[in-house]
Amino acid sequence: MNTNFVTLNELHQFDSLELLARQVVEGFMIGLHKSPFHGFSVEFAEHRLYNIGDSLKNVDWKVYARTDKVFVKRYEEETNLRCQLVIDCSSSMFYPENPEQPHLKPINKFRFSAAAAAAVMHLLKKQRDAVGLSLFSDEVEAHTPCKSTTIHHNLLISTLERYLEKPPTQRKTSAAKCLHEIADNIHKRSLVLIFSDMLDEGTENEALFAALQHLKYNKHEVVLFHVVDGKHEIEFEFENRPYRFIDMENGEEVRLQPNQVRGFYVEQMEKFKKNLQLKCAQYRIDFVEADINKDFTQVLLPYLSKRTKLA
């Protein structure tokens, strides 16, 4: 099902993340009405019926004049859902680069994650839900609590755009440490969506899993979007010629021909992914592989499925 007006080849053409998110969501909703989710509405009421005890200052008298029914305006504390978007912004997330066409914005893992997160934010905004944003590398670089105001939404979009404009240089990942810190700072039960390649150099897998378990211990619902360039990072599809591979987080280089290591590399990556999936299943965390070579359906449908379960 093609649910996007925006193709991945067009992704680099959008200067405005807000416009991109709107286009992705519009295309997604068109496809959604042709899918088993037909009938789902992303438009939630801006008001609710007056209940005895509600403050009269929150009554919408204009609506009362039109309908003869008493409605009160809904405010942030009455939101349906709180969603914290957590995005890895370490240097490895800015793979692949695009040195042959520097005038084009590369479709890398961070740009894909930012666009997907912006699309989710657009849906949350339409649903009158509260959203927060956390960015991490070797430290938590940004953390904003959940709010549902337009000003807050614009702040989150501008934060993402700022990181898109200035890719980091050799910024390492400390996912375990940062996820623990973020878990401590999400004070109310939330839906937590994590976008990361989970390549945490120097950290034992158990420490990483303990950080994910920390989020579940705090009663959050967690979805891990494992963001990868499937063609190169999982399948290791490179031409059999000499390459110079550079570690984006520490600058180390190695020269080799892909056929020399492809079998071993693919086996190790498959083992890493299986272990990650197994641990997520053990902790009741939704694991979703998000390949940057595919469309945004792979992010928006799992979000929608989780959203409907929590409604």
C-alpha atoms as a PDB file:
ATOM      1  CA  MET A   1       0.000   0.000   0.000  1.00  0.00           C
ATOM      2  CA  ASN A   2       1.572   3.302  -1.077  1.00  0.00           C
ATOM      3  CA  THR A   3       0.382   5.786   1.497  1.00  0.00           C
ATOM      4  CA  ASN A   4       2.682   8.729   0.855  1.00  0.00           C
ATOM      5  CA  PHE A   5       2.578  11.600  -1.572  1.00  0.00           C
ATOM      6  CA  VAL A   6       6.233  12.084  -0.667  1.00  0.00           C
ATOM      7  CA  THR A   7       8.626   9.496  -2.062  1.00  0.00           C
ATOM      8  CA  LEU A   8      11.999   8.938  -0.445  1.00  0.00           C
ATOM      9  CA  ASN A   9      13.664  10.301  -3.578  1.00  0.00           C
ATOM     10  CA  GLU A  10      11.816  13.582  -2.964  1.00  0.00           C
ATOM     11  CA  LEU A  11      12.678  13.736   0.718  1.00  0.00           C
ATOM     12  CA  HIS A  12      15.789  15.855   0.222  1.00  0.00           C
ATOM     13  CA  GLN A  13      13.793  18.525  -1.653  1.00  0.00           C
ATOM     14  CA  PHE A  14      11.830  19.736   1.374  1.00  0.00           C
ATOM     15  CA  ASP A  15      13.320  22.658   3.281  1.00  0.00           C
ATOM     16  CA  SER A  16      10.349  22.847   5.655  1.00  0.00           C
ATOM     17  CA  LEU A  17       9.956  19.893   8.008  1.00  0.00           C
ATOM     18  CA  GLU A  18       6.421  21.057   8.834  1.00  0.00           C
ATOM     19  CA  LEU A  19       5.415  20.992   5.149  1.00  0.00           C
ATOM     20  CA  LEU A  20       7.031  17.588   4.700  1.00  0.00           C
ATOM     21  CA  ALA A  21       5.160  16.190   7.718  1.00  0.00           C
ATOM     22  CA  ARG A  22       1.849  17.535   6.432  1.00  0.00           C
ATOM     23  CA  GLN A  23       2.410  15.985   2.989  1.00  0.00           C
ATOM     24  CA  VAL A  24       3.380  12.618   4.467  1.00  0.00           C
ATOM     25  CA  VAL A  25       0.327  12.534   6.755  1.00  0.00           C
ATOM     26  CA  GLU A  26      -2.085  13.591   4.002  1.00  0.00           C
ATOM     27  CA  GLY A  27      -0.821  10.810   1.756  1.00  0.00           C
ATOM     28  CA  PHE A  28      -0.877   8.353   4.636  1.00  0.00           C
ATOM     29  CA  MET A  29      -4.502   9.136   5.471  1.00  0.00           C
ATOM     30  CA  ILE A  30      -5.578   8.639   1.856  1.00  0.00           C
ATOM     31  CA  GLY A  31      -3.979   5.214   1.876  1.00  0.00           C
ATOM     32  CA  LEU A  32      -5.357   4.484   5.330  1.00  0.00           C
ATOM     33  CA  HIS A  33      -8.958   4.827   4.181  1.00  0.00           C
ATOM     34  CA  LYS A  34      -8.265   2.068   1.663  1.00  0.00           C
ATOM     35  CA  SER A  35      -6.800  -0.188   4.350  1.00  0.00           C
ATOM     36  CA  PRO A  36      -8.188  -2.283   7.256  1.00  0.00           C
ATOM     37  CA  PHE A  37      -7.984   0.888   9.387  1.00  0.00           C
ATOM     38  CA  HIS A  38     -10.785   2.472   7.328  1.00  0.00           C
ATOM     39  CA  GLY A  39     -12.986   4.560   9.557  1.00  0.00           C
ATOM     40  CA  PHE A  40     -10.287   5.628  11.993  1.00  0.00           C
ATOM     41  CA  SER A  41     -10.418   9.370  12.511  1.00  0.00           C
ATOM     42  CA  VAL A  42      -7.453  11.531  13.419  1.00  0.00           C
ATOM     43  CA  GLU A  43      -9.813  14.410  14.162  1.00  0.00           C
ATOM     44  CA  PHE A  44     -10.665  14.456  17.843  1.00  0.00           C
ATOM     45  CA  ALA A  45     -13.242  16.806  19.353  1.00  0.00           C
ATOM     46  CA  GLU A  46     -11.825  20.113  20.523  1.00  0.00           C
ATOM     47  CA  HIS A  47     -14.480  20.210  23.227  1.00  0.00           C
ATOM     48  CA  ARG A  48     -16.207  17.843  25.581  1.00  0.00           C
ATOM     49  CA  LEU A  49     -19.661  17.970  27.174  1.00  0.00           C
ATOM     50  CA  TYR A  50     -19.979  19.970  30.373  1.00  0.00           C
ATOM     51  CA  ASN A  51     -19.945  17.899  33.569  1.00  0.00           C
ATOM     52  CA  ILE A  52     -21.285  19.078  36.913  1.00  0.00           C
ATOM     53  CA  GLY A  53     -18.397  20.648  38.776  1.00  0.00           C
ATOM     54  CA  ASP A  54     -16.571  21.956  35.694  1.00  0.00           C
ATOM     55  CA  SER A  55     -15.540  25.596  35.889  1.00  0.00           C
ATOM     56  CA  LEU A  56     -17.888  27.896  33.977  1.00  0.00           C
ATOM     57  CA  LYS A  57     -14.911  29.920  32.772  1.00  0.00           C
ATOM     58  CA  ASN A  58     -14.037  27.015  30.437  1.00  0.00           C
ATOM     59  CA  VAL A  59     -17.485  26.898  28.806  1.00  0.00           C
ATOM     60  CA  ASP A  60     -17.443  27.750  25.103  1.00  0.00           C
ATOM     61  CA  TRP A  61     -20.411  30.125  24.923  1.00  0.00           C
ATOM     62  CA  LYS A  62     -20.153  30.499  21.144  1.00  0.00           C
ATOM     63  CA  VAL A  63     -20.714  26.785  20.690  1.00  0.00           C
ATOM     64  CA  TYR A  64     -23.599  26.967  23.205  1.00  0.00           C
ATOM     65  CA  ALA A  65     -25.203  29.773  21.178  1.00  0.00           C
ATOM     66  CA  ARG A  66     -25.056  27.653  18.020  1.00  0.00           C
ATOM     67  CA  THR A  67     -26.054  24.280  19.472  1.00  0.00           C
ATOM     68  CA  ASP A  68     -27.882  24.899  22.760  1.00  0.00           C
ATOM     69  CA  LYS A  69     -25.469  22.370  24.269  1.00  0.00           C
ATOM     70  CA  VAL A  70     -22.901  23.199  26.924  1.00  0.00           C
ATOM     71  CA  PHE A  71     -19.335  22.254  25.979  1.00  0.00           C
ATOM     72  CA  VAL A  72     -16.104  23.058  27.751  1.00  0.00           C
ATOM     73  CA  LYS A  73     -12.756  23.586  26.053  1.00  0.00           C
ATOM     74  CA  ARG A  74     -10.227  20.831  26.516  1.00  0.00           C
ATOM     75  CA  TYR A  75      -6.864  21.745  27.934  1.00  0.00           C
ATOM     76  CA  GLU A  76      -3.485  20.030  28.088  1.00  0.00           C
ATOM     77  CA  GLU A  77      -4.147  18.124  31.292  1.00  0.00           C
ATOM     78  CA  GLU A  78      -7.183  16.529  29.612  1.00  0.00           C
ATOM     79  CA  THR A  79      -5.231  15.315  26.604  1.00  0.00           C
ATOM     80  CA  ASN A  80      -5.861  11.788  25.359  1.00  0.00           C
ATOM     81  CA  LEU A  81      -2.225  10.807  25.207  1.00  0.00           C
ATOM     82  CA  ARG A  82       1.250  11.948  26.153  1.00  0.00           C
ATOM     83  CA  CYS A  83       3.931  10.957  23.651  1.00  0.00           C
ATOM     84  CA  GLN A  84       7.688  11.434  24.085  1.00  0.00           C
ATOM     85  CA  LEU A  85       9.695  11.249  20.858  1.00  0.00           C
ATOM     86  CA  VAL A  86      13.277  10.148  21.555  1.00  0.00           C
ATOM     87  CA  ILE A  87      15.764  10.512  18.679  1.00  0.00           C
ATOM     88  CA  ASP A  88      19.393   9.435  18.508  1.00  0.00           C
ATOM     89  CA  CYS A  89      21.402  12.314  17.000  1.00  0.00           C
ATOM     90  CA  SER A  90      24.881  10.773  17.258  1.00  0.00           C
ATOM     91  CA  SER A  91      27.144  10.848  14.202  1.00  0.00           C
ATOM     92  CA  SER A  92      26.264   7.307  13.098  1.00  0.00           C
ATOM     93  CA  MET A  93      22.679   8.484  12.530  1.00  0.00           C
ATOM     94  CA  PHE A  94      23.899  10.823   9.797  1.00  0.00           C
ATOM     95  CA  TYR A  95      24.891   7.887   7.602  1.00  0.00           C
ATOM     96  CA  PRO A  96      24.869   7.755   4.630  1.00  0.00           C
ATOM     97  CA  GLU A  97      26.434  10.985   3.512  1.00  0.00           C
ATOM     98  CA  ASN A  98      26.081  12.346  -0.006  1.00  0.00           C
ATOM     99  CA  PRO A  99      29.519  13.670  -1.047  1.00  0.00           C
ATOM    100  CA  GLU A 100      28.802  13.276  -4.778  1.00  0.00           C
ATOM    101  CA  GLN A 101      25.853  15.691  -4.635  1.00  0.00           C
ATOM    102  CA  PRO A 102      26.553  18.084  -1.732  1.00  0.00           C
ATOM    103  CA  HIS A 103      23.768  20.449  -2.874  1.00  0.00           C
ATOM    104  CA  LEU A 104      21.182  17.769  -2.031  1.00  0.00           C
ATOM    105  CA  LYS A 105      20.206  16.987   1.531  1.00  0.00           C
ATOM    106  CA  PRO A 106      21.193  13.339   2.110  1.00  0.00           C
ATOM    107  CA  ILE A 107      18.504  10.837   3.033  1.00  0.00           C
ATOM    108  CA  ASN A 108      20.309   9.582   6.098  1.00  0.00           C
ATOM    109  CA  LYS A 109      19.025   7.867   9.241  1.00  0.00           C
ATOM    110  CA  PHE A 110      18.600  11.089  11.191  1.00  0.00           C
ATOM    111  CA  ARG A 111      16.755  12.899   8.399  1.00  0.00           C
ATOM    112  CA  PHE A 112      14.455   9.899   8.006  1.00  0.00           C
ATOM    113  CA  SER A 113      13.865   9.809  11.796  1.00  0.00           C
ATOM    114  CA  ALA A 114      13.230  13.556  11.987  1.00  0.00           C
ATOM    115  CA  ALA A 115      10.733  13.397   9.109  1.00  0.00           C
ATOM    116  CA  ALA A 116       8.962  10.374  10.615  1.00  0.00           C
ATOM    117  CA  ALA A 117       8.851  12.041  14.044  1.00  0.00           C
ATOM    118  CA  ALA A 118       7.490  15.256  12.518  1.00  0.00           C
ATOM    119  CA  ALA A 119       4.745  13.244  10.806  1.00  0.00           C
ATOM    120  CA  VAL A 120       3.845  11.591  14.122  1.00  0.00           C
ATOM    121  CA  MET A 121       3.845  15.059  15.739  1.00  0.00           C
ATOM    122  CA  HIS A 122       1.431  16.264  13.055  1.00  0.00           C
ATOM    123  CA  LEU A 123      -0.928  13.371  13.847  1.00  0.00           C
ATOM    124  CA  LEU A 124      -0.618  14.051  17.577  1.00  0.00           C
ATOM    125  CA  LYS A 125      -1.422  17.711  16.979  1.00  0.00           C
ATOM    126  CA  LYS A 126      -4.554  16.784  15.014  1.00  0.00           C
ATOM    127  CA  GLN A 127      -5.562  14.436  17.829  1.00  0.00           C
ATOM    128  CA  ARG A 128      -5.062  17.166  20.477  1.00  0.00           C
ATOM    129  CA  ASP A 129      -2.435  14.979  22.147  1.00  0.00           C
ATOM    130  CA  ALA A 130       0.627  16.225  24.030  1.00  0.00           C
ATOM    131  CA  VAL A 131       4.099  15.583  22.637  1.00  0.00           C
ATOM    132  CA  GLY A 132       7.632  16.038  23.926  1.00  0.00           C
ATOM    133  CA  LEU A 133      11.032  15.618  22.284  1.00  0.00           C
ATOM    134  CA  SER A 134      14.343  14.209  23.513  1.00  0.00           C
ATOM    135  CA  LEU A 135      17.576  14.167  21.505  1.00  0.00           C
ATOM    136  CA  PHE A 136      20.636  12.248  22.624  1.00  0.00           C
ATOM    137  CA  SER A 137      24.136  11.301  21.531  1.00  0.00           C
ATOM    138  CA  ASP A 138      26.789  10.775  24.209  1.00  0.00           C
ATOM    139  CA  GLU A 139      24.594  12.998  26.384  1.00  0.00           C
ATOM    140  CA  VAL A 140      20.999  14.193  26.426  1.00  0.00           C
ATOM    141  CA  GLU A 141      21.207  17.232  24.165  1.00  0.00           C
ATOM    142  CA  ALA A 142      17.588  18.323  24.366  1.00  0.00           C
ATOM    143  CA  HIS A 143      14.620  17.324  26.466  1.00  0.00           C
ATOM    144  CA  THR A 144      11.252  19.050  26.372  1.00  0.00           C
ATOM    145  CA  PRO A 145       8.253  17.830  28.382  1.00  0.00           C
ATOM    146  CA  CYS A 146       4.945  16.943  26.737  1.00  0.00           C
ATOM    147  CA  LYS A 147       2.660  19.809  25.766  1.00  0.00           C
ATOM    148  CA  SER A 148      -0.071  20.215  23.187  1.00  0.00           C
ATOM    149  CA  THR A 149       0.130  23.913  22.296  1.00  0.00           C
ATOM    150  CA  THR A 150       0.894  25.228  18.814  1.00  0.00           C
ATOM    151  CA  ILE A 151       3.837  27.230  20.153  1.00  0.00           C
ATOM    152  CA  HIS A 152       5.316  24.062  21.637  1.00  0.00           C
ATOM    153  CA  HIS A 153       4.765  22.151  18.388  1.00  0.00           C
ATOM    154  CA  ASN A 154       6.623  24.856  16.440  1.00  0.00           C
ATOM    155  CA  LEU A 155       9.463  24.748  18.968  1.00  0.00           C
ATOM    156  CA  LEU A 156       9.929  21.014  18.444  1.00  0.00           C
ATOM    157  CA  ILE A 157       9.928  21.386  14.666  1.00  0.00           C
ATOM    158  CA  SER A 158      12.525  24.172  14.812  1.00  0.00           C
ATOM    159  CA  THR A 159      14.685  22.053  17.144  1.00  0.00           C
ATOM    160  CA  LEU A 160      14.706  19.182  14.655  1.00  0.00           C
ATOM    161  CA  GLU A 161      15.439  21.524  11.752  1.00  0.00           C
ATOM    162  CA  ARG A 162      18.380  23.010  13.643  1.00  0.00           C
ATOM    163  CA  TYR A 163      19.969  19.576  14.016  1.00  0.00           C
ATOM    164  CA  LEU A 164      19.310  18.793  10.356  1.00  0.00           C
ATOM    165  CA  GLU A 165      21.151  21.932   9.282  1.00  0.00           C
ATOM    166  CA  LYS A 166      24.297  21.196  11.317  1.00  0.00           C
ATOM    167  CA  PRO A 167      25.286  17.506  11.189  1.00  0.00           C
ATOM    168  CA  PRO A 168      27.630  16.585  14.050  1.00  0.00           C
ATOM    169  CA  THR A 169      31.253  15.544  13.686  1.00  0.00           C
ATOM    170  CA  GLN A 170      32.424  12.442  15.542  1.00  0.00           C
ATOM    171  CA  ARG A 171      29.657  12.612  18.153  1.00  0.00           C
ATOM    172  CA  LYS A 172      29.529   9.238  19.895  1.00  0.00           C
ATOM    173  CA  THR A 173      26.551   7.313  21.267  1.00  0.00           C
ATOM    174  CA  SER A 174      25.811   6.589  24.914  1.00  0.00           C
ATOM    175  CA  ALA A 175      22.296   5.240  24.468  1.00  0.00           C
ATOM    176  CA  ALA A 176      22.156   3.335  27.760  1.00  0.00           C
ATOM    177  CA  LYS A 177      23.181   6.305  29.900  1.00  0.00           C
ATOM    178  CA  CYS A 178      20.942   8.737  28.024  1.00  0.00           C
ATOM    179  CA  LEU A 179      17.852   6.505  28.042  1.00  0.00           C
ATOM    180  CA  HIS A 180      18.185   6.129  31.818  1.00  0.00           C
ATOM    181  CA  GLU A 181      18.311   9.928  32.152  1.00  0.00           C
ATOM    182  CA  ILE A 182      15.347  10.420  29.833  1.00  0.00           C
ATOM    183  CA  ALA A 183      13.341   7.790  31.737  1.00  0.00           C
ATOM    184  CA  ASP A 184      13.991   9.690  34.965  1.00  0.00           C
ATOM    185  CA  ASN A 185      12.721  12.916  33.368  1.00  0.00           C
ATOM    186  CA  ILE A 186       9.437  11.614  31.925  1.00  0.00           C
ATOM    187  CA  HIS A 187       7.277  12.152  34.963  1.00  0.00           C
ATOM    188  CA  LYS A 188       3.878  11.015  33.693  1.00  0.00           C
ATOM    189  CA  ARG A 189       2.947   7.786  31.990  1.00  0.00           C
ATOM    190  CA  SER A 190       3.587   8.234  28.267  1.00  0.00           C
ATOM    191  CA  LEU A 191       3.942   6.520  24.936  1.00  0.00           C
ATOM    192  CA  VAL A 192       7.681   6.628  24.215  1.00  0.00           C
ATOM    193  CA  LEU A 193       8.805   6.322  20.584  1.00  0.00           C
ATOM    194  CA  ILE A 194      12.555   5.778  20.184  1.00  0.00           C
ATOM    195  CA  PHE A 195      14.347   6.296  16.862  1.00  0.00           C
ATOM    196  CA  SER A 196      17.887   4.901  16.953  1.00  0.00           C
ATOM    197  CA  ASP A 197      20.284   2.560  15.191  1.00  0.00           C
ATOM    198  CA  MET A 198      21.181   1.307  18.702  1.00  0.00           C
ATOM    199  CA  LEU A 199      24.883   1.268  17.800  1.00  0.00           C
ATOM    200  CA  ASP A 200      26.255   2.069  21.233  1.00  0.00           C
ATOM    201  CA  GLU A 201      29.988   1.490  20.990  1.00  0.00           C
ATOM    202  CA  GLY A 202      31.646   0.388  24.219  1.00  0.00           C
ATOM    203  CA  THR A 203      28.378  -0.402  26.002  1.00  0.00           C
ATOM    204  CA  GLU A 204      27.453  -3.956  26.903  1.00  0.00           C
ATOM    205  CA  ASN A 205      24.131  -5.115  25.479  1.00  0.00           C
ATOM    206  CA  GLU A 206      22.797  -5.815  28.964  1.00  0.00           C
ATOM    207  CA  ALA A 207      23.317  -2.167  29.963  1.00  0.00           C
ATOM    208  CA  LEU A 208      21.375  -1.082  26.902  1.00  0.00           C
ATOM    209  CA  PHE A 209      18.557  -3.481  27.659  1.00  0.00           C
ATOM    210  CA  ALA A 210      18.486  -2.335  31.292  1.00  0.00           C
ATOM    211  CA  ALA A 211      17.905   1.225  30.052  1.00  0.00           C
ATOM    212  CA  LEU A 212      14.969   0.079  27.906  1.00  0.00           C
ATOM    213  CA  GLN A 213      13.621  -1.886  30.861  1.00  0.00           C
ATOM    214  CA  HIS A 214      13.845   1.303  32.965  1.00  0.00           C
ATOM    215  CA  LEU A 215      11.283   2.918  30.671  1.00  0.00           C
ATOM    216  CA  LYS A 216       8.935  -0.037  31.058  1.00  0.00           C
ATOM    217  CA  TYR A 217       9.470  -0.078  34.820  1.00  0.00           C
ATOM    218  CA  ASN A 218       8.154   3.490  34.875  1.00  0.00           C
ATOM    219  CA  LYS A 219       4.935   2.208  33.244  1.00  0.00           C
ATOM    220  CA  HIS A 220       5.570   3.793  29.831  1.00  0.00           C
ATOM    221  CA  GLU A 221       4.496   2.117  26.597  1.00  0.00           C
ATOM    222  CA  VAL A 222       7.592   1.891  24.420  1.00  0.00           C
ATOM    223  CA  VAL A 223       8.098   1.432  20.674  1.00  0.00           C
ATOM    224  CA  LEU A 224      11.677   1.090  19.419  1.00  0.00           C
ATOM    225  CA  PHE A 225      12.127   2.039  15.773  1.00  0.00           C
ATOM    226  CA  HIS A 226      15.442   0.439  14.830  1.00  0.00           C
ATOM    227  CA  VAL A 227      16.501   2.860  12.085  1.00  0.00           C
ATOM    228  CA  VAL A 228      18.849   1.307   9.541  1.00  0.00           C
ATOM    229  CA  ASP A 229      20.066   1.612   5.983  1.00  0.00           C
ATOM    230  CA  GLY A 230      19.062  -1.953   5.201  1.00  0.00           C
ATOM    231  CA  LYS A 231      20.878  -2.173   1.884  1.00  0.00           C
ATOM    232  CA  HIS A 232      24.285  -1.254   3.290  1.00  0.00           C
ATOM    233  CA  GLU A 233      24.151  -1.738   7.061  1.00  0.00           C
ATOM    234  CA  ILE A 234      22.231  -5.010   7.140  1.00  0.00           C
ATOM    235  CA  GLU A 235      22.847  -6.680   3.780  1.00  0.00           C
ATOM    236  CA  PHE A 236      26.259  -5.035   3.193  1.00  0.00           C
ATOM    237  CA  GLU A 237      25.494  -4.566  -0.510  1.00  0.00           C
ATOM    238  CA  PHE A 238      28.607  -2.883  -1.862  1.00  0.00           C
ATOM    239  CA  GLU A 239      30.331  -3.489  -5.172  1.00  0.00           C
ATOM    240  CA  ASN A 240      33.301  -5.794  -4.872  1.00  0.00           C
ATOM    241  CA  ARG A 241      35.998  -3.168  -5.210  1.00  0.00           C
ATOM    242  CA  PRO A 242      38.311  -1.498  -2.694  1.00  0.00           C
ATOM    243  CA  TYR A 243      36.545   0.798  -0.224  1.00  0.00           C
ATOM    244  CA  ARG A 244      37.673   3.028   2.603  1.00  0.00           C
ATOM    245  CA  PHE A 245      35.200   2.600   5.484  1.00  0.00           C
ATOM    246  CA  ILE A 246      35.265   5.373   8.097  1.00  0.00           C
ATOM    247  CA  ASP A 247      33.717   5.144  11.555  1.00  0.00           C
ATOM    248  CA  MET A 248      31.559   8.280  11.749  1.00  0.00           C
ATOM    249  CA  GLU A 249      31.801   8.423  15.553  1.00  0.00           C
ATOM    250  CA  ASN A 250      35.554   8.070  16.089  1.00  0.00           C
ATOM    251  CA  GLY A 251      37.104   8.640  12.652  1.00  0.00           C
ATOM    252  CA  GLU A 252      38.860   5.267  12.480  1.00  0.00           C
ATOM    253  CA  GLU A 253      39.415   3.940   8.947  1.00  0.00           C
ATOM    254  CA  VAL A 254      39.756   0.504   7.405  1.00  0.00           C
ATOM    255  CA  ARG A 255      40.452  -0.368   3.761  1.00  0.00           C
ATOM    256  CA  LEU A 256      39.045  -3.593   2.342  1.00  0.00           C
ATOM    257  CA  GLN A 257      36.933  -5.230  -0.336  1.00  0.00           C
ATOM    258  CA  PRO A 258      33.380  -6.051   0.774  1.00  0.00           C
ATOM    259  CA  ASN A 259      33.568  -9.709  -0.275  1.00  0.00           C
ATOM    260  CA  GLN A 260      36.332 -10.245   2.299  1.00  0.00           C
ATOM    261  CA  VAL A 261      33.998  -9.598   5.235  1.00  0.00           C
ATOM    262  CA  ARG A 262      30.412  -9.701   3.903  1.00  0.00           C
ATOM    263  CA  GLY A 263      29.518 -13.137   5.259  1.00  0.00           C
ATOM    264  CA  PHE A 264      30.895 -12.488   8.739  1.00  0.00           C
ATOM    265  CA  TYR A 265      29.444  -8.964   8.865  1.00  0.00           C
ATOM    266  CA  VAL A 266      25.922 -10.046   7.835  1.00  0.00           C
ATOM    267  CA  GLU A 267      26.016 -12.872  10.382  1.00  0.00           C
ATOM    268  CA  GLN A 268      27.026 -10.518  13.208  1.00  0.00           C
ATOM    269  CA  MET A 269      24.411  -7.913  12.310  1.00  0.00           C
ATOM    270  CA  GLU A 270      21.712 -10.562  12.152  1.00  0.00           C
ATOM    271  CA  LYS A 271      22.778 -11.839  15.571  1.00  0.00           C
ATOM    272  CA  PHE A 272      22.691  -8.289  16.975  1.00  0.00           C
ATOM    273  CA  LYS A 273      19.219  -7.648  15.556  1.00  0.00           C
ATOM    274  CA  LYS A 274      17.811 -10.977  16.772  1.00  0.00           C
ATOM    275  CA  ASN A 275      19.122 -10.316  20.261  1.00  0.00           C
ATOM    276  CA  LEU A 276      17.558  -6.851  20.237  1.00  0.00           C
ATOM    277  CA  GLN A 277      14.219  -8.251  19.075  1.00  0.00           C
ATOM    278  CA  LEU A 278      14.314 -10.990  21.709  1.00  0.00           C
ATOM    279  CA  LYS A 279      15.006  -8.579  24.561  1.00  0.00           C
ATOM    280  CA  CYS A 280      12.325  -6.175  23.383  1.00  0.00           C
ATOM    281  CA  ALA A 281       9.812  -9.022  23.307  1.00  0.00           C
ATOM    282  CA  GLN A 282      10.918 -10.042  26.802  1.00  0.00           C
ATOM    283  CA  TYR A 283      10.326  -6.517  28.136  1.00  0.00           C
ATOM    284  CA  ARG A 284       7.108  -6.067  26.100  1.00  0.00           C
ATOM    285  CA  ILE A 285       8.627  -3.327  23.984  1.00  0.00           C
ATOM    286  CA  ASP A 286       7.403  -3.084  20.395  1.00  0.00           C
ATOM    287  CA  PHE A 287      10.354  -3.556  18.034  1.00  0.00           C
ATOM    288  CA  VAL A 288      10.005  -2.120  14.515  1.00  0.00           C
ATOM    289  CA  GLU A 289      12.782  -2.175  11.944  1.00  0.00           C
ATOM    290  CA  ALA A 290      12.620   1.120  10.046  1.00  0.00           C
ATOM    291  CA  ASP A 291      14.591   0.949   6.802  1.00  0.00           C
ATOM    292  CA  ILE A 292      15.377   4.383   5.372  1.00  0.00           C
ATOM    293  CA  ASN A 293      15.012   2.935   1.867  1.00  0.00           C
ATOM    294  CA  LYS A 294      11.299   2.325   2.475  1.00  0.00           C
ATOM    295  CA  ASP A 295       8.381   4.706   3.010  1.00  0.00           C
ATOM    296  CA  PHE A 296       6.949   6.145   6.234  1.00  0.00           C
ATOM    297  CA  THR A 297       4.144   3.588   6.466  1.00  0.00           C
ATOM    298  CA  GLN A 298       6.531   1.393   8.466  1.00  0.00           C
ATOM    299  CA  VAL A 299       6.527   4.067  11.203  1.00  0.00           C
ATOM    300  CA  LEU A 300       3.018   5.506  11.022  1.00  0.00           C
ATOM    301  CA  LEU A 301       1.101   2.209  10.997  1.00  0.00           C
ATOM    302  CA  PRO A 302       2.799   0.842  14.159  1.00  0.00           C
ATOM    303  CA  TYR A 303       2.211   4.216  15.834  1.00  0.00           C
ATOM    304  CA  LEU A 304      -1.453   4.159  14.806  1.00  0.00           C
ATOM    305  CA  SER A 305      -1.863   0.566  15.993  1.00  0.00           C
ATOM    306  CA  LYS A 306      -0.378   1.435  19.400  1.00  0.00           C
ATOM    307  CA  ARG A 307      -2.429   4.644  19.568  1.00  0.00           C
ATOM    308  CA  THR A 308      -5.722   2.839  19.025  1.00  0.00           C
ATOM    309  CA  LYS A 309      -4.854   0.282  21.738  1.00  0.00           C
ATOM    310  CA  LEU A 310      -4.169   3.071  24.231  1.00  0.00           C
ATOM    311  CA  ALA A 311      -7.292   5.101  23.388  1.00  0.00           C
END
